[in-house]
Structure formats: structure tokens, C-alpha cells
């Protein structure tokens, strides 16, 4: 354990055993439908219009978050933060939840300052992720119409997925129109208007990091509107991009990266499986194009930092070992080292929703085999950071020890039903035969469901 991580754990636990600075200083905001969350683990909730009418700061400081802050200050575990509680309850003293890592990025004085504030105070986030709209060219298996216009078009054209039983399954039965409140062009969006008011008022100077997500941000007019408004910004800027794009769009992104100081422009991209498995998990992905564009980013701007976000699901987990090996090859091709200028940072995130995509639908013998395979590759991989090693160790321990997701009430029978129905319909709609894209080990288990 690094000294910084050790010190962070001491600081947050001295405030309370359930305290996390991200509940104050971090926010994810979906401006297309007016929803927010304190980080990527809790489910998003609606921003009350009456609160937004009083202040644009309600884009982050909702009554829901304030109640969770109150609970944290009093040592109560907010239910929405179940992912971290599940990790912390593992019988392993060397594995740490994101409560520690998400608090570690803030200065000690800033963290301690929070215990002096009233729980219902309005705070400007220091790290902010926003999504302008759902414009996207991919249709990833665990995504849905709310976050991808391609998913929306699929449901509109081919109809809803049939035979689903769980709440997660029901998300594949609507085209997302009710969540895209201002139409496909996102016109006259009050949440976008309030964001730009907030940005020009205080955010542009208070933020340490601004991150734009989607959909696919580079397809959003508001993304480029924000870029054009920059005036020698000092914060770290990041964009979530699937990198499945033409060369001219990639060059425009590279040009934007050169406006920022060294190591202050970050690209976050998502992938966790290799080759055909990756293309099945993320419909529309061209793995070699994704890999080549990732490589071009680094050689075009050596001071640009890239992050690869791995989402561990019942579909993607089978391709993780080969993917880790391929990322290690990428690191060798670009002379990558671990440090401030490191390329291809790996983060490991275990999917919680939809529940039928969770690795917990797999039997323990299959999860154990998968854990062993991942562990074997991780043990021989070179140049993994402490953060990456801990992420993989959590994943391995989760596969071996956790049977059900925290606060998950869906029955295993219903989850198996929805997984079977989804995969069969998804593969047919996307013209991807299971035996051509998924490995034999998966197909043998899948046939038994």
C-alpha cells in the first residue's frame, strides 16, 4: 500500500467509517435527461426542477445527495454506495474499495474541510463528468437507448426485446424517447443551458478535472461548443470516446489535446475483451480500428494520457486475459512506463446493472476458472501499477467469493432467463453468430442455461 493511499484511508475513516469525499467533490451529470450521480457506482437520480430553478448548482447538489452526505457524516452507509460496501466486506485486508481511491485524488485539507460544512451546503465539484446527449455510433451489450442513439434506433426499428423479466431487462423494451427530453438534436435543453451558466460563473476556475462523456461526445455539437469556449483553461480535461471514428475526427481531437499543458488532456476509452469477443460485447466496434486509433493518439501527442476502462460482465469476462496481454503489447510498442506519463492506464469496474449481465449469474466453477485465468496473466504482466494490480485483485476476489450483488433482489432464475433471451436476440439483431464470436467455454455454459 502506498503512503498516500494509507494516509487517505486514515483521513476518511477519522471522519467516519462510511465517509467518501466523492459524494461532495465528484459528480456525473446527464444533461440530456436531467439526472445525476456522485460517481459511476450509484444509480443516477433525477435533478428536481424546483431545486434547479433556484440554483444551477442543483445540477450536482440535489436533496438526494445531501441526504447521503448526512448519512456519511454520521457513519451510516448510504444504500446507493453498495458496490464499495460489498468490496469492503470481503475478507481481505489487502483489497481497498473505490471509497479510498476516489477520495485520494483530493487534497487532505479539502477533504477535512468537508466535515466542517453543513451537510446540505452547495459545493462546486472538483472532478465533474457530464454528458450532453446520447448520440453514439455503438450499441454496447450492457448499454441502452437512454445512453446510445444507435440503441434507440434499434428498438424503434426492430421492436422491444421480448420475454424479459428483470428491471434491467425492461430497459431493452423502450426506445429511450422518454429519457431524451429535448429530442435527438437536444434543442432548448434547460439542463445544458444551466450547465453553461454554471461553467462561466465558477466551474471553469474551480474544477481540477472536467470530463465529457456520452453517447460518443465527439458527435455532439455541444461538445465542440464547449471546446470553442476554452480560454487557456488550467484544469485537466478528459473525454470519454469509443475511438471508432474517421481519421479527420481523430485529428480534430488530437489538435484539441495540444491546447492543454503536458499530461492535462486525457482520453478515456472502453474495452476489456480482445478481438471477436470485444466486437460482440460492443456491437459496432471494430477492434483493430479501435486499437490503431488508440496508438495514433499516443504517437501524435506524447503528452496525452489514455485510460482504458474495463467493464467486467458475464459477456466480457471471457476475453479479459487476452486483452491484458494485448495492452501489454501496446505498452511495448510505445515504450510505455508506469508514472505520470504512463499510457493506457487500466481501470477495472465490475458491472452491477443490468443485473442479468453481472458475472454473478455464472456458476462458481466457471467463475473460479475465469479468476484463475486472469490471475495467471496478471502475475506475469509487466509494468502494472499498484492501482491496476489492486483492480485486478478485486476482480479476481469478486469472482471467487461474491455470489450475489449488493442490494440485488432479482432472482437467479429471472436473471438467467433475461440473459438467455437477451443474448439470443442481440446476436440475431446484430448478425453475430455466438459460435463465431464467443469462445467455446462460454458457449458450452450458455447452452446449459
Foldseek 3Di string as FASTA:
>chain_A
DDPLLVVLCVLLVVQAPQDFCLLAAEKEAELQFAWIDSDDQFDIDHQDPVVCVVALLSSRLGPVSLVCLVCSSVRHHDLRNQVQVVLVPFPDPVFHGCSSVNRSVDDSVVRVVVNVDRSNDRHHHQAYEYEHAQDAQWDFLQDALLRHQVRLVLCVVPNAQPDADDPLNCRRHHSNPVRRPCPPLSPPRPNLVSVVVVCVPPVLPRYQEYEYEGNALLVHPVSVVVLVPDDLGAHQYEYEHQQPDDPVSLVVVLVSVVSYDFLRYEYEHEFQFDDLLRCLRMPPDDRVSSVVSLLCSCVSPLRYAYEYEYEDWLSRLQGRLVVLVVVLVSCVVNVAADDSSGHHHYAYHADPPPPLRGNLLDDLVVLQVSLVSLVVSVVPRPRHDPNRVSRNVSSSSCSNPPNGRRPDPDDSVSSLSSVLSSSVVSCVSSVHDCPVRPDPVSVVRNVVD
